[in-house]
């Protein structure tokens, strides 16, 4: 398969393999939830998932996206949790669930995530990968370090023919303009009269219409 089915979440049916997709918009427009649902849908289809949870702990992912946790238990998923140890809880790493002290510990995140990528590649897993959220990393780490991290893993996504997803607030224009070029296409979110709306920019014909999410 050369494409990923996203028709249940986005106003396009598929995204080409090897695509890095940015979910961007103002705060409180459902960006993290959308990223989780894109990964969860892949897991329901038998794909794998890799998550860097800068605001989502393992416990919250188990509750909000049980399909991702099921993939982890089946050996086709992995989580880097940047929340639990920051809150003072003592937890141990295992093969596919890793804990780092802070969302700003970019080097440690990269090391732990690299092990998960190697496992999924070795097992021949077709996977979706999300950093949720990049904005939280930027609260703790220098933008240059975050850029280098995202650049490396965008390259891995392209090489492996996976689907990469980043989540970023567009409220800081300087940060947004610096990081957005790392991505091939974008899902834009905004507040509508009845809740969140979204559209896809940079795939197929260029941009979709705004639709309710």
C-alpha atoms as a PDB file:
ATOM      1  CA  UNK A   1       0.000   0.000   0.000  1.00  0.00           C
ATOM      2  CA  UNK A   2       1.289   3.444  -0.896  1.00  0.00           C
ATOM      3  CA  UNK A   3      -1.340   5.553   0.871  1.00  0.00           C
ATOM      4  CA  UNK A   4      -2.896   5.933   4.304  1.00  0.00           C
ATOM      5  CA  UNK A   5      -6.666   5.974   4.717  1.00  0.00           C
ATOM      6  CA  UNK A   6      -7.742   9.145   6.569  1.00  0.00           C
ATOM      7  CA  UNK A   7     -11.230   9.627   5.136  1.00  0.00           C
ATOM      8  CA  UNK A   8     -12.981   9.169   8.489  1.00  0.00           C
ATOM      9  CA  UNK A   9     -11.085  12.099  10.028  1.00  0.00           C
ATOM     10  CA  UNK A  10     -10.108  14.460   7.183  1.00  0.00           C
ATOM     11  CA  UNK A  11     -11.821  15.924   4.092  1.00  0.00           C
ATOM     12  CA  UNK A  12      -9.482  13.864   1.872  1.00  0.00           C
ATOM     13  CA  UNK A  13      -9.617  10.107   1.480  1.00  0.00           C
ATOM     14  CA  UNK A  14      -5.915   9.239   1.591  1.00  0.00           C
ATOM     15  CA  UNK A  15      -2.466  10.632   2.347  1.00  0.00           C
ATOM     16  CA  UNK A  16       0.573   9.322   0.426  1.00  0.00           C
ATOM     17  CA  UNK A  17       3.026   7.138   2.322  1.00  0.00           C
ATOM     18  CA  UNK A  18       6.091   9.051   3.488  1.00  0.00           C
ATOM     19  CA  UNK A  19       4.125  12.243   4.119  1.00  0.00           C
ATOM     20  CA  UNK A  20       4.758  14.472   7.122  1.00  0.00           C
ATOM     21  CA  UNK A  21       1.506  16.222   8.018  1.00  0.00           C
ATOM     22  CA  UNK A  22       1.261  19.263  10.316  1.00  0.00           C
ATOM     23  CA  UNK A  23      -1.933  19.826  12.320  1.00  0.00           C
ATOM     24  CA  UNK A  24      -1.887  23.565  13.004  1.00  0.00           C
ATOM     25  CA  UNK A  25      -4.286  26.154  14.348  1.00  0.00           C
ATOM     26  CA  UNK A  26      -5.186  28.294  17.348  1.00  0.00           C
ATOM     27  CA  UNK A  27      -5.263  26.827  20.869  1.00  0.00           C
ATOM     28  CA  UNK A  28      -8.349  24.847  21.888  1.00  0.00           C
ATOM     29  CA  UNK A  29      -9.324  23.761  18.372  1.00  0.00           C
ATOM     30  CA  UNK A  30      -8.988  20.011  18.894  1.00  0.00           C
ATOM     31  CA  UNK A  31      -5.575  19.496  17.313  1.00  0.00           C
ATOM     32  CA  UNK A  32      -4.288  16.874  19.776  1.00  0.00           C
ATOM     33  CA  UNK A  33      -7.539  14.955  19.616  1.00  0.00           C
ATOM     34  CA  UNK A  34      -7.369  14.914  15.834  1.00  0.00           C
ATOM     35  CA  UNK A  35      -3.804  13.595  15.891  1.00  0.00           C
ATOM     36  CA  UNK A  36      -4.809  10.839  18.336  1.00  0.00           C
ATOM     37  CA  UNK A  37      -7.761   9.875  16.173  1.00  0.00           C
ATOM     38  CA  UNK A  38      -5.570   9.650  13.062  1.00  0.00           C
ATOM     39  CA  UNK A  39      -3.257   7.240  14.874  1.00  0.00           C
ATOM     40  CA  UNK A  40      -6.112   5.298  16.434  1.00  0.00           C
ATOM     41  CA  UNK A  41      -7.754   4.818  13.037  1.00  0.00           C
ATOM     42  CA  UNK A  42      -4.538   3.374  11.677  1.00  0.00           C
ATOM     43  CA  UNK A  43      -4.333   0.981  14.626  1.00  0.00           C
ATOM     44  CA  UNK A  44      -7.907  -0.166  13.944  1.00  0.00           C
ATOM     45  CA  UNK A  45      -6.759  -1.007  10.416  1.00  0.00           C
ATOM     46  CA  UNK A  46      -3.881  -3.109  11.732  1.00  0.00           C
ATOM     47  CA  UNK A  47      -1.158  -0.488  11.368  1.00  0.00           C
ATOM     48  CA  UNK A  48       1.257   0.526  14.105  1.00  0.00           C
ATOM     49  CA  UNK A  49       1.705   3.775  16.014  1.00  0.00           C
ATOM     50  CA  UNK A  50       4.562   5.678  17.617  1.00  0.00           C
ATOM     51  CA  UNK A  51       3.741   8.618  19.889  1.00  0.00           C
ATOM     52  CA  UNK A  52       5.788  11.291  21.596  1.00  0.00           C
ATOM     53  CA  UNK A  53       3.383  12.469  24.290  1.00  0.00           C
ATOM     54  CA  UNK A  54       4.573  15.875  25.431  1.00  0.00           C
ATOM     55  CA  UNK A  55       1.165  16.512  27.003  1.00  0.00           C
ATOM     56  CA  UNK A  56      -0.325  13.008  26.840  1.00  0.00           C
ATOM     57  CA  UNK A  57       0.824  10.515  29.457  1.00  0.00           C
ATOM     58  CA  UNK A  58       0.610   6.777  28.967  1.00  0.00           C
ATOM     59  CA  UNK A  59      -2.400   6.731  31.298  1.00  0.00           C
ATOM     60  CA  UNK A  60      -4.241   9.387  29.314  1.00  0.00           C
ATOM     61  CA  UNK A  61      -3.467   7.671  26.013  1.00  0.00           C
ATOM     62  CA  UNK A  62      -4.778   4.372  27.361  1.00  0.00           C
ATOM     63  CA  UNK A  63      -7.993   6.131  28.319  1.00  0.00           C
ATOM     64  CA  UNK A  64      -8.464   8.379  25.290  1.00  0.00           C
ATOM     65  CA  UNK A  65      -7.037   6.160  22.534  1.00  0.00           C
ATOM     66  CA  UNK A  66      -7.243   2.502  23.600  1.00  0.00           C
ATOM     67  CA  UNK A  67      -6.487   1.405  20.032  1.00  0.00           C
ATOM     68  CA  UNK A  68      -2.996   2.870  20.369  1.00  0.00           C
ATOM     69  CA  UNK A  69      -2.441   1.060  23.660  1.00  0.00           C
ATOM     70  CA  UNK A  70      -3.617  -2.193  22.105  1.00  0.00           C
ATOM     71  CA  UNK A  71      -1.043  -1.710  19.337  1.00  0.00           C
ATOM     72  CA  UNK A  72       1.672  -1.220  21.969  1.00  0.00           C
ATOM     73  CA  UNK A  73       0.633  -4.436  23.709  1.00  0.00           C
ATOM     74  CA  UNK A  74       0.699  -6.249  20.355  1.00  0.00           C
ATOM     75  CA  UNK A  75       4.253  -5.092  19.647  1.00  0.00           C
ATOM     76  CA  UNK A  76       3.282  -2.752  16.806  1.00  0.00           C
ATOM     77  CA  UNK A  77       3.319   0.507  18.758  1.00  0.00           C
ATOM     78  CA  UNK A  78       5.424   2.555  21.145  1.00  0.00           C
ATOM     79  CA  UNK A  79       5.057   5.589  23.411  1.00  0.00           C
ATOM     80  CA  UNK A  80       7.560   8.132  24.702  1.00  0.00           C
ATOM     81  CA  UNK A  81       5.861   9.683  27.751  1.00  0.00           C
ATOM     82  CA  UNK A  82       7.209  13.149  28.637  1.00  0.00           C
ATOM     83  CA  UNK A  83       4.598  13.849  31.336  1.00  0.00           C
ATOM     84  CA  UNK A  84       4.598  11.196  34.065  1.00  0.00           C
ATOM     85  CA  UNK A  85       8.124  11.621  35.432  1.00  0.00           C
ATOM     86  CA  UNK A  86       7.815  15.395  35.198  1.00  0.00           C
ATOM     87  CA  UNK A  87       4.909  15.074  37.628  1.00  0.00           C
ATOM     88  CA  UNK A  88       7.127  13.225  40.109  1.00  0.00           C
ATOM     89  CA  UNK A  89       5.823   9.705  39.581  1.00  0.00           C
ATOM     90  CA  UNK A  90       8.392   6.900  39.607  1.00  0.00           C
ATOM     91  CA  UNK A  91       7.911   4.616  36.610  1.00  0.00           C
ATOM     92  CA  UNK A  92      10.157   2.145  34.816  1.00  0.00           C
ATOM     93  CA  UNK A  93      10.809   1.899  31.094  1.00  0.00           C
ATOM     94  CA  UNK A  94       9.949  -1.222  29.182  1.00  0.00           C
ATOM     95  CA  UNK A  95      10.635  -2.213  25.589  1.00  0.00           C
ATOM     96  CA  UNK A  96       7.969  -0.061  23.946  1.00  0.00           C
ATOM     97  CA  UNK A  97       6.954   2.403  26.662  1.00  0.00           C
ATOM     98  CA  UNK A  98       9.635   4.944  27.532  1.00  0.00           C
ATOM     99  CA  UNK A  99       9.583   7.763  30.076  1.00  0.00           C
ATOM    100  CA  UNK A 100      11.675  10.930  29.896  1.00  0.00           C
ATOM    101  CA  UNK A 101      11.957  13.653  32.556  1.00  0.00           C
ATOM    102  CA  UNK A 102      10.625  16.578  30.530  1.00  0.00           C
ATOM    103  CA  UNK A 103       9.176  17.581  27.139  1.00  0.00           C
ATOM    104  CA  UNK A 104      12.313  19.680  26.756  1.00  0.00           C
ATOM    105  CA  UNK A 105      14.741  16.767  27.054  1.00  0.00           C
ATOM    106  CA  UNK A 106      15.036  16.511  23.285  1.00  0.00           C
ATOM    107  CA  UNK A 107      18.154  14.329  23.268  1.00  0.00           C
ATOM    108  CA  UNK A 108      16.597  11.734  25.568  1.00  0.00           C
ATOM    109  CA  UNK A 109      13.355  11.782  23.589  1.00  0.00           C
ATOM    110  CA  UNK A 110      15.314  11.146  20.400  1.00  0.00           C
ATOM    111  CA  UNK A 111      17.211   8.215  21.913  1.00  0.00           C
ATOM    112  CA  UNK A 112      14.080   6.563  23.292  1.00  0.00           C
ATOM    113  CA  UNK A 113      12.109   7.166  20.123  1.00  0.00           C
ATOM    114  CA  UNK A 114      14.943   5.777  18.013  1.00  0.00           C
ATOM    115  CA  UNK A 115      14.673   2.454  19.806  1.00  0.00           C
ATOM    116  CA  UNK A 116      10.936   2.309  19.118  1.00  0.00           C
ATOM    117  CA  UNK A 117      11.460   3.121  15.439  1.00  0.00           C
ATOM    118  CA  UNK A 118      14.108   0.403  15.154  1.00  0.00           C
ATOM    119  CA  UNK A 119      11.777  -2.171  16.722  1.00  0.00           C
ATOM    120  CA  UNK A 120       8.866  -1.293  14.419  1.00  0.00           C
ATOM    121  CA  UNK A 121      11.121  -1.272  11.362  1.00  0.00           C
ATOM    122  CA  UNK A 122      12.632  -4.621  12.341  1.00  0.00           C
ATOM    123  CA  UNK A 123       9.141  -6.104  12.698  1.00  0.00           C
ATOM    124  CA  UNK A 124       8.066  -4.706   9.333  1.00  0.00           C
ATOM    125  CA  UNK A 125       5.307  -2.584  10.874  1.00  0.00           C
ATOM    126  CA  UNK A 126       3.588   0.034   8.740  1.00  0.00           C
ATOM    127  CA  UNK A 127       3.039   2.874  11.201  1.00  0.00           C
ATOM    128  CA  UNK A 128       1.774   6.348  11.908  1.00  0.00           C
ATOM    129  CA  UNK A 129       3.933   8.604  14.087  1.00  0.00           C
ATOM    130  CA  UNK A 130       2.859  11.700  16.028  1.00  0.00           C
ATOM    131  CA  UNK A 131       4.511  14.371  18.156  1.00  0.00           C
ATOM    132  CA  UNK A 132       1.706  15.715  20.292  1.00  0.00           C
ATOM    133  CA  UNK A 133       2.473  18.499  20.723  1.00  0.00           C
ATOM    134  CA  UNK A 134       5.445  20.318  19.250  1.00  0.00           C
ATOM    135  CA  UNK A 135       4.236  23.495  20.960  1.00  0.00           C
ATOM    136  CA  UNK A 136       4.837  21.957  24.389  1.00  0.00           C
ATOM    137  CA  UNK A 137       8.397  20.987  23.418  1.00  0.00           C
ATOM    138  CA  UNK A 138       9.011  24.613  22.482  1.00  0.00           C
ATOM    139  CA  UNK A 139       8.004  25.736  25.972  1.00  0.00           C
ATOM    140  CA  UNK A 140      10.959  23.797  27.409  1.00  0.00           C
ATOM    141  CA  UNK A 141      13.562  23.579  24.634  1.00  0.00           C
ATOM    142  CA  UNK A 142      15.312  25.881  22.202  1.00  0.00           C
ATOM    143  CA  UNK A 143      13.689  26.029  18.773  1.00  0.00           C
ATOM    144  CA  UNK A 144      16.954  24.995  17.085  1.00  0.00           C
ATOM    145  CA  UNK A 145      17.074  21.736  19.042  1.00  0.00           C
ATOM    146  CA  UNK A 146      13.405  21.039  18.328  1.00  0.00           C
ATOM    147  CA  UNK A 147      13.956  21.782  14.648  1.00  0.00           C
ATOM    148  CA  UNK A 148      16.852  19.321  14.429  1.00  0.00           C
ATOM    149  CA  UNK A 149      14.827  16.619  16.186  1.00  0.00           C
ATOM    150  CA  UNK A 150      11.825  17.091  13.885  1.00  0.00           C
ATOM    151  CA  UNK A 151      14.061  17.214  10.808  1.00  0.00           C
ATOM    152  CA  UNK A 152      15.664  13.873  11.674  1.00  0.00           C
ATOM    153  CA  UNK A 153      12.367  12.107  12.278  1.00  0.00           C
ATOM    154  CA  UNK A 154      10.681  13.659   9.242  1.00  0.00           C
ATOM    155  CA  UNK A 155      13.457  12.009   7.260  1.00  0.00           C
ATOM    156  CA  UNK A 156      12.820   8.658   8.945  1.00  0.00           C
ATOM    157  CA  UNK A 157       9.092   8.900   8.149  1.00  0.00           C
ATOM    158  CA  UNK A 158       9.867   9.571   4.500  1.00  0.00           C
ATOM    159  CA  UNK A 159      12.417   6.750   4.326  1.00  0.00           C
ATOM    160  CA  UNK A 160      10.103   4.203   5.950  1.00  0.00           C
ATOM    161  CA  UNK A 161       6.995   5.253   3.978  1.00  0.00           C
ATOM    162  CA  UNK A 162       5.155   5.994   7.224  1.00  0.00           C
ATOM    163  CA  UNK A 163       2.729   8.813   7.998  1.00  0.00           C
ATOM    164  CA  UNK A 164       4.133  11.511  10.287  1.00  0.00           C
ATOM    165  CA  UNK A 165       1.954  13.952  12.235  1.00  0.00           C
ATOM    166  CA  UNK A 166       3.004  17.025  14.179  1.00  0.00           C
ATOM    167  CA  UNK A 167       0.761  19.296  16.254  1.00  0.00           C
ATOM    168  CA  UNK A 168       1.572  22.991  16.536  1.00  0.00           C
ATOM    169  CA  UNK A 169      -0.218  26.140  17.675  1.00  0.00           C
ATOM    170  CA  UNK A 170      -0.003  28.886  15.071  1.00  0.00           C
ATOM    171  CA  UNK A 171      -0.293  31.661  17.668  1.00  0.00           C
ATOM    172  CA  UNK A 172       3.491  32.186  17.700  1.00  0.00           C
ATOM    173  CA  UNK A 173       4.099  33.182  14.095  1.00  0.00           C
ATOM    174  CA  UNK A 174       7.890  33.121  14.342  1.00  0.00           C
ATOM    175  CA  UNK A 175       7.963  29.540  15.630  1.00  0.00           C
ATOM    176  CA  UNK A 176       5.325  28.471  13.132  1.00  0.00           C
ATOM    177  CA  UNK A 177       7.190  29.969  10.167  1.00  0.00           C
ATOM    178  CA  UNK A 178      10.392  28.258  11.322  1.00  0.00           C
ATOM    179  CA  UNK A 179       8.943  24.750  11.730  1.00  0.00           C
ATOM    180  CA  UNK A 180       6.104  24.494   9.196  1.00  0.00           C
ATOM    181  CA  UNK A 181       8.462  23.989   6.192  1.00  0.00           C
ATOM    182  CA  UNK A 182       9.525  20.647   7.697  1.00  0.00           C
ATOM    183  CA  UNK A 183       6.102  19.262   6.766  1.00  0.00           C
ATOM    184  CA  UNK A 184       4.748  18.274   3.368  1.00  0.00           C
ATOM    185  CA  UNK A 185       1.148  19.312   3.964  1.00  0.00           C
ATOM    186  CA  UNK A 186      -1.037  20.801   6.647  1.00  0.00           C
ATOM    187  CA  UNK A 187      -4.356  20.266   8.384  1.00  0.00           C
ATOM    188  CA  UNK A 188      -5.533  23.714   9.458  1.00  0.00           C
ATOM    189  CA  UNK A 189      -7.997  24.046  12.332  1.00  0.00           C
ATOM    190  CA  UNK A 190     -10.144  26.982  13.375  1.00  0.00           C
ATOM    191  CA  UNK A 191     -13.148  27.787  15.541  1.00  0.00           C
ATOM    192  CA  UNK A 192     -16.461  27.734  13.689  1.00  0.00           C
ATOM    193  CA  UNK A 193     -19.973  28.625  14.778  1.00  0.00           C
ATOM    194  CA  UNK A 194     -20.662  25.035  15.828  1.00  0.00           C
ATOM    195  CA  UNK A 195     -17.190  24.029  17.030  1.00  0.00           C
ATOM    196  CA  UNK A 196     -13.922  23.141  15.318  1.00  0.00           C
ATOM    197  CA  UNK A 197     -13.540  23.259  11.558  1.00  0.00           C
ATOM    198  CA  UNK A 198     -10.642  21.951   9.511  1.00  0.00           C
ATOM    199  CA  UNK A 199      -9.268  21.830   6.008  1.00  0.00           C
ATOM    200  CA  UNK A 200      -6.294  20.162   4.326  1.00  0.00           C
ATOM    201  CA  UNK A 201      -3.710  22.236   2.461  1.00  0.00           C
ATOM    202  CA  UNK A 202      -0.978  20.888   0.205  1.00  0.00           C
ATOM    203  CA  UNK A 203      -2.407  17.532  -0.853  1.00  0.00           C
ATOM    204  CA  UNK A 204      -4.007  16.681  -4.157  1.00  0.00           C
ATOM    205  CA  UNK A 205      -5.696  19.733  -5.667  1.00  0.00           C
ATOM    206  CA  UNK A 206      -4.080  22.101  -3.173  1.00  0.00           C
ATOM    207  CA  UNK A 207      -6.644  22.782  -0.459  1.00  0.00           C
ATOM    208  CA  UNK A 208      -9.974  21.359   0.614  1.00  0.00           C
ATOM    209  CA  UNK A 209     -13.037  23.239   1.775  1.00  0.00           C
ATOM    210  CA  UNK A 210     -13.481  23.953   5.469  1.00  0.00           C
ATOM    211  CA  UNK A 211     -15.564  21.214   7.100  1.00  0.00           C
ATOM    212  CA  UNK A 212     -16.915  20.678  10.613  1.00  0.00           C
ATOM    213  CA  UNK A 213     -14.865  18.300  12.735  1.00  0.00           C
END
